[in-house]
Amino acid sequence: MGRASSPRPPGSGAERRTPLRKLTTFLLVALATLAGTVLYRRRSARRIERVELYGGDGSMASLPDGSADAERMLSLARDVLSAAG
């Protein structure tokens, strides 16, 4: 006849690994969430003001940051936004 398998003693094998696996999964998810949050906040903190001019023919011109023309247009845009808000 076949060999009878002996019952596993409590606390061995799969029973011990399950809580460890759950903890590992939880920690990996928590770290991934934290990393995503940090990256998102870094990107949103780098809000750079820029001037982009769009023409009726589909063309676009971008004025470089710090140029006199860009500063003049940005100050006008800030005034309009403060008056609207």
PDB file of N, CA and C in Angstrom:
ATOM      1  N   MET A   1       0.826  -1.171   0.000  1.00  0.00           N
ATOM      2  CA  MET A   1       0.000   0.000   0.000  1.00  0.00           C
ATOM      3  C   MET A   1       0.876   1.242   0.000  1.00  0.00           C
ATOM      4  N   GLY A   2       0.183   2.377  -0.174  1.00  0.00           N
ATOM      5  CA  GLY A   2       0.911   3.647  -0.248  1.00  0.00           C
ATOM      6  C   GLY A   2       1.417   4.097   1.108  1.00  0.00           C
ATOM      7  N   ARG A   3       2.348   4.996   1.011  1.00  0.00           N
ATOM      8  CA  ARG A   3       2.935   5.519   2.232  1.00  0.00           C
ATOM      9  C   ARG A   3       2.018   6.576   2.836  1.00  0.00           C
ATOM     10  N   ALA A   4       1.750   6.480   4.081  1.00  0.00           N
ATOM     11  CA  ALA A   4       0.901   7.450   4.766  1.00  0.00           C
ATOM     12  C   ALA A   4       1.731   8.681   5.092  1.00  0.00           C
ATOM     13  N   SER A   5       1.182   9.834   4.771  1.00  0.00           N
ATOM     14  CA  SER A   5       1.919  11.052   5.080  1.00  0.00           C
ATOM     15  C   SER A   5       1.646  11.457   6.523  1.00  0.00           C
ATOM     16  N   SER A   6       2.680  11.878   7.149  1.00  0.00           N
ATOM     17  CA  SER A   6       2.522  12.286   8.540  1.00  0.00           C
ATOM     18  C   SER A   6       2.050  13.739   8.576  1.00  0.00           C
ATOM     19  N   PRO A   7       1.200  14.067   9.508  1.00  0.00           N
ATOM     20  CA  PRO A   7       0.728  15.455   9.602  1.00  0.00           C
ATOM     21  C   PRO A   7       1.886  16.377   9.977  1.00  0.00           C
ATOM     22  N   ARG A   8       1.844  17.589   9.462  1.00  0.00           N
ATOM     23  CA  ARG A   8       2.900  18.560   9.748  1.00  0.00           C
ATOM     24  C   ARG A   8       2.759  19.068  11.179  1.00  0.00           C
ATOM     25  N   PRO A   9       3.882  19.271  11.799  1.00  0.00           N
ATOM     26  CA  PRO A   9       3.802  19.855  13.137  1.00  0.00           C
ATOM     27  C   PRO A   9       3.372  21.320  13.023  1.00  0.00           C
ATOM     28  N   PRO A  10       2.644  21.807  14.009  1.00  0.00           N
ATOM     29  CA  PRO A  10       2.187  23.199  13.940  1.00  0.00           C
ATOM     30  C   PRO A  10       3.361  24.166  13.900  1.00  0.00           C
ATOM     31  N   GLY A  11       3.178  25.246  13.135  1.00  0.00           N
ATOM     32  CA  GLY A  11       4.207  26.272  13.046  1.00  0.00           C
ATOM     33  C   GLY A  11       5.333  25.948  12.092  1.00  0.00           C
ATOM     34  N   SER A  12       5.124  25.034  11.160  1.00  0.00           N
ATOM     35  CA  SER A  12       6.195  24.703  10.227  1.00  0.00           C
ATOM     36  C   SER A  12       5.788  25.068   8.809  1.00  0.00           C
ATOM     37  N   GLY A  13       6.759  25.248   7.964  1.00  0.00           N
ATOM     38  CA  GLY A  13       6.540  25.394   6.527  1.00  0.00           C
ATOM     39  C   GLY A  13       5.677  26.561   6.137  1.00  0.00           C
ATOM     40  N   ALA A  14       4.569  26.267   5.461  1.00  0.00           N
ATOM     41  CA  ALA A  14       3.718  27.282   4.867  1.00  0.00           C
ATOM     42  C   ALA A  14       3.074  28.185   5.909  1.00  0.00           C
ATOM     43  N   GLU A  15       2.793  27.658   7.079  1.00  0.00           N
ATOM     44  CA  GLU A  15       2.157  28.476   8.097  1.00  0.00           C
ATOM     45  C   GLU A  15       3.086  29.593   8.577  1.00  0.00           C
ATOM     46  N   ARG A  16       4.374  29.335   8.615  1.00  0.00           N
ATOM     47  CA  ARG A  16       5.329  30.354   9.044  1.00  0.00           C
ATOM     48  C   ARG A  16       5.584  31.358   7.928  1.00  0.00           C
ATOM     49  N   ARG A  17       5.589  30.913   6.705  1.00  0.00           N
ATOM     50  CA  ARG A  17       5.916  31.792   5.584  1.00  0.00           C
ATOM     51  C   ARG A  17       4.789  32.763   5.250  1.00  0.00           C
ATOM     52  N   THR A  18       3.567  32.394   5.504  1.00  0.00           N
ATOM     53  CA  THR A  18       2.438  33.231   5.126  1.00  0.00           C
ATOM     54  C   THR A  18       2.487  34.602   5.804  1.00  0.00           C
ATOM     55  N   PRO A  19       2.657  34.713   7.110  1.00  0.00           N
ATOM     56  CA  PRO A  19       2.745  36.050   7.708  1.00  0.00           C
ATOM     57  C   PRO A  19       3.963  36.829   7.204  1.00  0.00           C
ATOM     58  N   LEU A  20       5.076  36.139   6.986  1.00  0.00           N
ATOM     59  CA  LEU A  20       6.261  36.812   6.477  1.00  0.00           C
ATOM     60  C   LEU A  20       6.025  37.315   5.056  1.00  0.00           C
ATOM     61  N   ARG A  21       5.365  36.531   4.254  1.00  0.00           N
ATOM     62  CA  ARG A  21       5.057  36.940   2.880  1.00  0.00           C
ATOM     63  C   ARG A  21       4.097  38.133   2.878  1.00  0.00           C
ATOM     64  N   LYS A  22       3.117  38.114   3.767  1.00  0.00           N
ATOM     65  CA  LYS A  22       2.178  39.233   3.858  1.00  0.00           C
ATOM     66  C   LYS A  22       2.888  40.497   4.303  1.00  0.00           C
ATOM     67  N   LEU A  23       3.779  40.367   5.259  1.00  0.00           N
ATOM     68  CA  LEU A  23       4.537  41.517   5.727  1.00  0.00           C
ATOM     69  C   LEU A  23       5.430  42.067   4.618  1.00  0.00           C
ATOM     70  N   THR A  24       6.084  41.198   3.886  1.00  0.00           N
ATOM     71  CA  THR A  24       6.948  41.623   2.788  1.00  0.00           C
ATOM     72  C   THR A  24       6.146  42.336   1.710  1.00  0.00           C
ATOM     73  N   THR A  25       5.004  41.788   1.359  1.00  0.00           N
ATOM     74  CA  THR A  25       4.141  42.415   0.359  1.00  0.00           C
ATOM     75  C   THR A  25       3.679  43.786   0.836  1.00  0.00           C
ATOM     76  N   PHE A  26       3.266  43.871   2.098  1.00  0.00           N
ATOM     77  CA  PHE A  26       2.830  45.145   2.653  1.00  0.00           C
ATOM     78  C   PHE A  26       3.954  46.171   2.610  1.00  0.00           C
ATOM     79  N   LEU A  27       5.151  45.776   2.997  1.00  0.00           N
ATOM     80  CA  LEU A  27       6.278  46.705   2.994  1.00  0.00           C
ATOM     81  C   LEU A  27       6.624  47.168   1.581  1.00  0.00           C
ATOM     82  N   LEU A  28       6.584  46.264   0.609  1.00  0.00           N
ATOM     83  CA  LEU A  28       6.876  46.647  -0.778  1.00  0.00           C
ATOM     84  C   LEU A  28       5.833  47.625  -1.321  1.00  0.00           C
ATOM     85  N   VAL A  29       4.569  47.379  -1.012  1.00  0.00           N
ATOM     86  CA  VAL A  29       3.510  48.279  -1.465  1.00  0.00           C
ATOM     87  C   VAL A  29       3.664  49.639  -0.786  1.00  0.00           C
ATOM     88  N   ALA A  30       3.973  49.641   0.500  1.00  0.00           N
ATOM     89  CA  ALA A  30       4.152  50.898   1.226  1.00  0.00           C
ATOM     90  C   ALA A  30       5.338  51.687   0.661  1.00  0.00           C
ATOM     91  N   LEU A  31       6.441  51.010   0.374  1.00  0.00           N
ATOM     92  CA  LEU A  31       7.603  51.690  -0.192  1.00  0.00           C
ATOM     93  C   LEU A  31       7.310  52.237  -1.584  1.00  0.00           C
ATOM     94  N   ALA A  32       6.593  51.477  -2.393  1.00  0.00           N
ATOM     95  CA  ALA A  32       6.247  51.940  -3.738  1.00  0.00           C
ATOM     96  C   ALA A  32       5.331  53.167  -3.663  1.00  0.00           C
ATOM     97  N   THR A  33       4.397  53.158  -2.728  1.00  0.00           N
ATOM     98  CA  THR A  33       3.508  54.301  -2.549  1.00  0.00           C
ATOM     99  C   THR A  33       4.286  55.527  -2.104  1.00  0.00           C
ATOM    100  N   LEU A  34       5.195  55.328  -1.172  1.00  0.00           N
ATOM    101  CA  LEU A  34       6.020  56.433  -0.692  1.00  0.00           C
ATOM    102  C   LEU A  34       6.887  57.003  -1.815  1.00  0.00           C
ATOM    103  N   ALA A  35       7.500  56.133  -2.603  1.00  0.00           N
ATOM    104  CA  ALA A  35       8.339  56.583  -3.715  1.00  0.00           C
ATOM    105  C   ALA A  35       7.502  57.350  -4.739  1.00  0.00           C
ATOM    106  N   GLY A  36       6.317  56.863  -5.044  1.00  0.00           N
ATOM    107  CA  GLY A  36       5.431  57.550  -5.983  1.00  0.00           C
ATOM    108  C   GLY A  36       5.018  58.922  -5.476  1.00  0.00           C
ATOM    109  N   THR A  37       4.735  59.016  -4.189  1.00  0.00           N
ATOM    110  CA  THR A  37       4.349  60.291  -3.593  1.00  0.00           C
ATOM    111  C   THR A  37       5.499  61.291  -3.670  1.00  0.00           C
ATOM    112  N   VAL A  38       6.700  60.841  -3.355  1.00  0.00           N
ATOM    113  CA  VAL A  38       7.865  61.726  -3.397  1.00  0.00           C
ATOM    114  C   VAL A  38       8.105  62.219  -4.830  1.00  0.00           C
ATOM    115  N   LEU A  39       8.047  61.323  -5.789  1.00  0.00           N
ATOM    116  CA  LEU A  39       8.260  61.726  -7.184  1.00  0.00           C
ATOM    117  C   LEU A  39       7.189  62.702  -7.655  1.00  0.00           C
ATOM    118  N   TYR A  40       5.953  62.439  -7.290  1.00  0.00           N
ATOM    119  CA  TYR A  40       4.864  63.330  -7.684  1.00  0.00           C
ATOM    120  C   TYR A  40       5.057  64.718  -7.082  1.00  0.00           C
ATOM    121  N   ARG A  41       5.410  64.801  -5.818  1.00  0.00           N
ATOM    122  CA  ARG A  41       5.596  66.094  -5.164  1.00  0.00           C
ATOM    123  C   ARG A  41       6.793  66.845  -5.739  1.00  0.00           C
ATOM    124  N   ARG A  42       7.840  66.122  -6.090  1.00  0.00           N
ATOM    125  CA  ARG A  42       9.007  66.783  -6.695  1.00  0.00           C
ATOM    126  C   ARG A  42       8.650  67.395  -8.034  1.00  0.00           C
ATOM    127  N   ARG A  43       7.891  66.653  -8.828  1.00  0.00           N
ATOM    128  CA  ARG A  43       7.522  67.170 -10.148  1.00  0.00           C
ATOM    129  C   ARG A  43       6.586  68.361 -10.040  1.00  0.00           C
ATOM    130  N   SER A  44       5.638  68.307  -9.109  1.00  0.00           N
ATOM    131  CA  SER A  44       4.692  69.419  -8.985  1.00  0.00           C
ATOM    132  C   SER A  44       5.341  70.632  -8.330  1.00  0.00           C
ATOM    133  N   ALA A  45       6.413  70.444  -7.570  1.00  0.00           N
ATOM    134  CA  ALA A  45       7.106  71.567  -6.938  1.00  0.00           C
ATOM    135  C   ALA A  45       7.912  72.359  -7.957  1.00  0.00           C
ATOM    136  N   ARG A  46       8.251  71.747  -9.062  1.00  0.00           N
ATOM    137  CA  ARG A  46       9.043  72.424 -10.095  1.00  0.00           C
ATOM    138  C   ARG A  46       8.153  73.158 -11.077  1.00  0.00           C
ATOM    139  N   ARG A  47       7.205  73.924 -10.586  1.00  0.00           N
ATOM    140  CA  ARG A  47       6.343  74.691 -11.489  1.00  0.00           C
ATOM    141  C   ARG A  47       7.132  75.838 -12.056  1.00  0.00           C
ATOM    142  N   ILE A  48       7.363  75.796 -13.319  1.00  0.00           N
ATOM    143  CA  ILE A  48       8.143  76.829 -13.994  1.00  0.00           C
ATOM    144  C   ILE A  48       7.177  77.670 -14.827  1.00  0.00           C
ATOM    145  N   GLU A  49       7.265  78.959 -14.650  1.00  0.00           N
ATOM    146  CA  GLU A  49       6.443  79.840 -15.464  1.00  0.00           C
ATOM    147  C   GLU A  49       7.111  80.002 -16.818  1.00  0.00           C
ATOM    148  N   ARG A  50       6.318  79.924 -17.861  1.00  0.00           N
ATOM    149  CA  ARG A  50       6.866  80.088 -19.206  1.00  0.00           C
ATOM    150  C   ARG A  50       5.826  80.753 -20.085  1.00  0.00           C
ATOM    151  N   VAL A  51       6.303  81.303 -21.157  1.00  0.00           N
ATOM    152  CA  VAL A  51       5.429  81.964 -22.117  1.00  0.00           C
ATOM    153  C   VAL A  51       5.493  81.184 -23.417  1.00  0.00           C
ATOM    154  N   GLU A  52       4.325  80.751 -23.859  1.00  0.00           N
ATOM    155  CA  GLU A  52       4.214  80.063 -25.157  1.00  0.00           C
ATOM    156  C   GLU A  52       3.198  80.827 -25.979  1.00  0.00           C
ATOM    157  N   LEU A  53       3.594  81.218 -27.145  1.00  0.00           N
ATOM    158  CA  LEU A  53       2.721  81.970 -28.041  1.00  0.00           C
ATOM    159  C   LEU A  53       2.300  81.067 -29.191  1.00  0.00           C
ATOM    160  N   TYR A  54       0.993  80.956 -29.394  1.00  0.00           N
ATOM    161  CA  TYR A  54       0.460  80.101 -30.453  1.00  0.00           C
ATOM    162  C   TYR A  54      -0.112  80.968 -31.561  1.00  0.00           C
ATOM    163  N   GLY A  55       0.273  80.673 -32.788  1.00  0.00           N
ATOM    164  CA  GLY A  55      -0.223  81.397 -33.951  1.00  0.00           C
ATOM    165  C   GLY A  55      -1.437  80.712 -34.549  1.00  0.00           C
ATOM    166  N   GLY A  56      -2.174  81.467 -35.340  1.00  0.00           N
ATOM    167  CA  GLY A  56      -3.365  80.929 -35.991  1.00  0.00           C
ATOM    168  C   GLY A  56      -3.051  79.832 -36.987  1.00  0.00           C
ATOM    169  N   ASP A  57      -1.811  79.804 -37.490  1.00  0.00           N
ATOM    170  CA  ASP A  57      -1.433  78.783 -38.464  1.00  0.00           C
ATOM    171  C   ASP A  57      -0.920  77.500 -37.792  1.00  0.00           C
ATOM    172  N   GLY A  58      -1.003  77.451 -36.462  1.00  0.00           N
ATOM    173  CA  GLY A  58      -0.555  76.253 -35.751  1.00  0.00           C
ATOM    174  C   GLY A  58       0.875  76.336 -35.253  1.00  0.00           C
ATOM    175  N   SER A  59       1.549  77.435 -35.517  1.00  0.00           N
ATOM    176  CA  SER A  59       2.930  77.569 -35.056  1.00  0.00           C
ATOM    177  C   SER A  59       2.950  77.932 -33.571  1.00  0.00           C
ATOM    178  N   MET A  60       4.080  77.693 -32.938  1.00  0.00           N
ATOM    179  CA  MET A  60       4.238  77.994 -31.520  1.00  0.00           C
ATOM    180  C   MET A  60       5.629  78.560 -31.294  1.00  0.00           C
ATOM    181  N   ALA A  61       5.702  79.599 -30.487  1.00  0.00           N
ATOM    182  CA  ALA A  61       6.992  80.181 -30.099  1.00  0.00           C
ATOM    183  C   ALA A  61       7.051  80.201 -28.582  1.00  0.00           C
ATOM    184  N   SER A  62       8.158  79.760 -28.035  1.00  0.00           N
ATOM    185  CA  SER A  62       8.345  79.744 -26.593  1.00  0.00           C
ATOM    186  C   SER A  62       9.431  80.741 -26.241  1.00  0.00           C
ATOM    187  N   LEU A  63       9.098  81.650 -25.322  1.00  0.00           N
ATOM    188  CA  LEU A  63      10.080  82.645 -24.892  1.00  0.00           C
ATOM    189  C   LEU A  63      10.900  82.070 -23.741  1.00  0.00           C
ATOM    190  N   PRO A  64      12.211  82.212 -23.811  1.00  0.00           N
ATOM    191  CA  PRO A  64      13.052  81.618 -22.769  1.00  0.00           C
ATOM    192  C   PRO A  64      12.839  82.277 -21.413  1.00  0.00           C
ATOM    193  N   ASP A  65      12.993  81.475 -20.363  1.00  0.00           N
ATOM    194  CA  ASP A  65      12.833  81.942 -18.994  1.00  0.00           C
ATOM    195  C   ASP A  65      13.878  83.012 -18.699  1.00  0.00           C
ATOM    196  N   GLY A  66      13.431  84.129 -18.138  1.00  0.00           N
ATOM    197  CA  GLY A  66      14.355  85.201 -17.787  1.00  0.00           C
ATOM    198  C   GLY A  66      14.520  86.261 -18.848  1.00  0.00           C
ATOM    199  N   SER A  67      13.954  86.057 -20.029  1.00  0.00           N
ATOM    200  CA  SER A  67      14.083  87.086 -21.064  1.00  0.00           C
ATOM    201  C   SER A  67      13.167  88.259 -20.723  1.00  0.00           C
ATOM    202  N   ALA A  68      13.518  89.447 -21.224  1.00  0.00           N
ATOM    203  CA  ALA A  68      12.745  90.656 -20.918  1.00  0.00           C
ATOM    204  C   ALA A  68      11.314  90.535 -21.439  1.00  0.00           C
ATOM    205  N   ASP A  69      11.144  89.973 -22.629  1.00  0.00           N
ATOM    206  CA  ASP A  69       9.797  89.815 -23.193  1.00  0.00           C
ATOM    207  C   ASP A  69       8.955  88.861 -22.355  1.00  0.00           C
ATOM    208  N   ALA A  70       9.560  87.778 -21.918  1.00  0.00           N
ATOM    209  CA  ALA A  70       8.831  86.802 -21.110  1.00  0.00           C
ATOM    210  C   ALA A  70       8.438  87.408 -19.770  1.00  0.00           C
ATOM    211  N   GLU A  71       9.337  88.140 -19.151  1.00  0.00           N
ATOM    212  CA  GLU A  71       9.036  88.767 -17.860  1.00  0.00           C
ATOM    213  C   GLU A  71       7.893  89.773 -17.986  1.00  0.00           C
ATOM    214  N   ARG A  72       7.896  90.550 -19.050  1.00  0.00           N
ATOM    215  CA  ARG A  72       6.835  91.536 -19.262  1.00  0.00           C
ATOM    216  C   ARG A  72       5.488  90.836 -19.435  1.00  0.00           C
ATOM    217  N   MET A  73       5.455  89.775 -20.237  1.00  0.00           N
ATOM    218  CA  MET A  73       4.197  89.058 -20.465  1.00  0.00           C
ATOM    219  C   MET A  73       3.743  88.313 -19.217  1.00  0.00           C
ATOM    220  N   LEU A  74       4.688  87.757 -18.456  1.00  0.00           N
ATOM    221  CA  LEU A  74       4.323  87.058 -17.225  1.00  0.00           C
ATOM    222  C   LEU A  74       3.741  88.020 -16.191  1.00  0.00           C
ATOM    223  N   SER A  75       4.297  89.228 -16.108  1.00  0.00           N
ATOM    224  CA  SER A  75       3.749  90.190 -15.140  1.00  0.00           C
ATOM    225  C   SER A  75       2.325  90.584 -15.535  1.00  0.00           C
ATOM    226  N   LEU A  76       2.067  90.742 -16.841  1.00  0.00           N
ATOM    227  CA  LEU A  76       0.703  91.029 -17.304  1.00  0.00           C
ATOM    228  C   LEU A  76      -0.230  89.857 -16.996  1.00  0.00           C
ATOM    229  N   ALA A  77       0.243  88.645 -17.216  1.00  0.00           N
ATOM    230  CA  ALA A  77      -0.586  87.463 -16.941  1.00  0.00           C
ATOM    231  C   ALA A  77      -0.887  87.344 -15.455  1.00  0.00           C
ATOM    232  N   ARG A  78       0.092  87.639 -14.600  1.00  0.00           N
ATOM    233  CA  ARG A  78      -0.140  87.595 -13.145  1.00  0.00           C
ATOM    234  C   ARG A  78      -1.189  88.637 -12.741  1.00  0.00           C
ATOM    235  N   ASP A  79      -1.109  89.820 -13.341  1.00  0.00           N
ATOM    236  CA  ASP A  79      -2.101  90.865 -13.040  1.00  0.00           C
ATOM    237  C   ASP A  79      -3.508  90.430 -13.431  1.00  0.00           C
ATOM    238  N   VAL A  80      -3.632  89.829 -14.606  1.00  0.00           N
ATOM    239  CA  VAL A  80      -4.946  89.363 -15.072  1.00  0.00           C
ATOM    240  C   VAL A  80      -5.479  88.269 -14.153  1.00  0.00           C
ATOM    241  N   LEU A  81      -4.620  87.336 -13.764  1.00  0.00           N
ATOM    242  CA  LEU A  81      -5.055  86.247 -12.887  1.00  0.00           C
ATOM    243  C   LEU A  81      -5.436  86.747 -11.498  1.00  0.00           C
ATOM    244  N   SER A  82      -4.700  87.717 -10.977  1.00  0.00           N
ATOM    245  CA  SER A  82      -5.043  88.247  -9.637  1.00  0.00           C
ATOM    246  C   SER A  82      -6.349  89.038  -9.695  1.00  0.00           C
ATOM    247  N   ALA A  83      -6.604  89.730 -10.802  1.00  0.00           N
ATOM    248  CA  ALA A  83      -7.851  90.481 -10.936  1.00  0.00           C
ATOM    249  C   ALA A  83      -9.042  89.532 -11.096  1.00  0.00           C
ATOM    250  N   ALA A  84      -8.831  88.398 -11.742  1.00  0.00           N
ATOM    251  CA  ALA A  84      -9.908  87.434 -11.966  1.00  0.00           C
ATOM    252  C   ALA A  84     -10.203  86.617 -10.704  1.00  0.00           C
ATOM    253  N   GLY A  85      -9.191  86.424  -9.875  1.00  0.00           N
ATOM    254  CA  GLY A  85      -9.357  85.519  -8.736  1.00  0.00           C
ATOM    255  C   GLY A  85      -9.592  86.255  -7.493  1.00  0.00           C
TER     256      GLY A  85
END
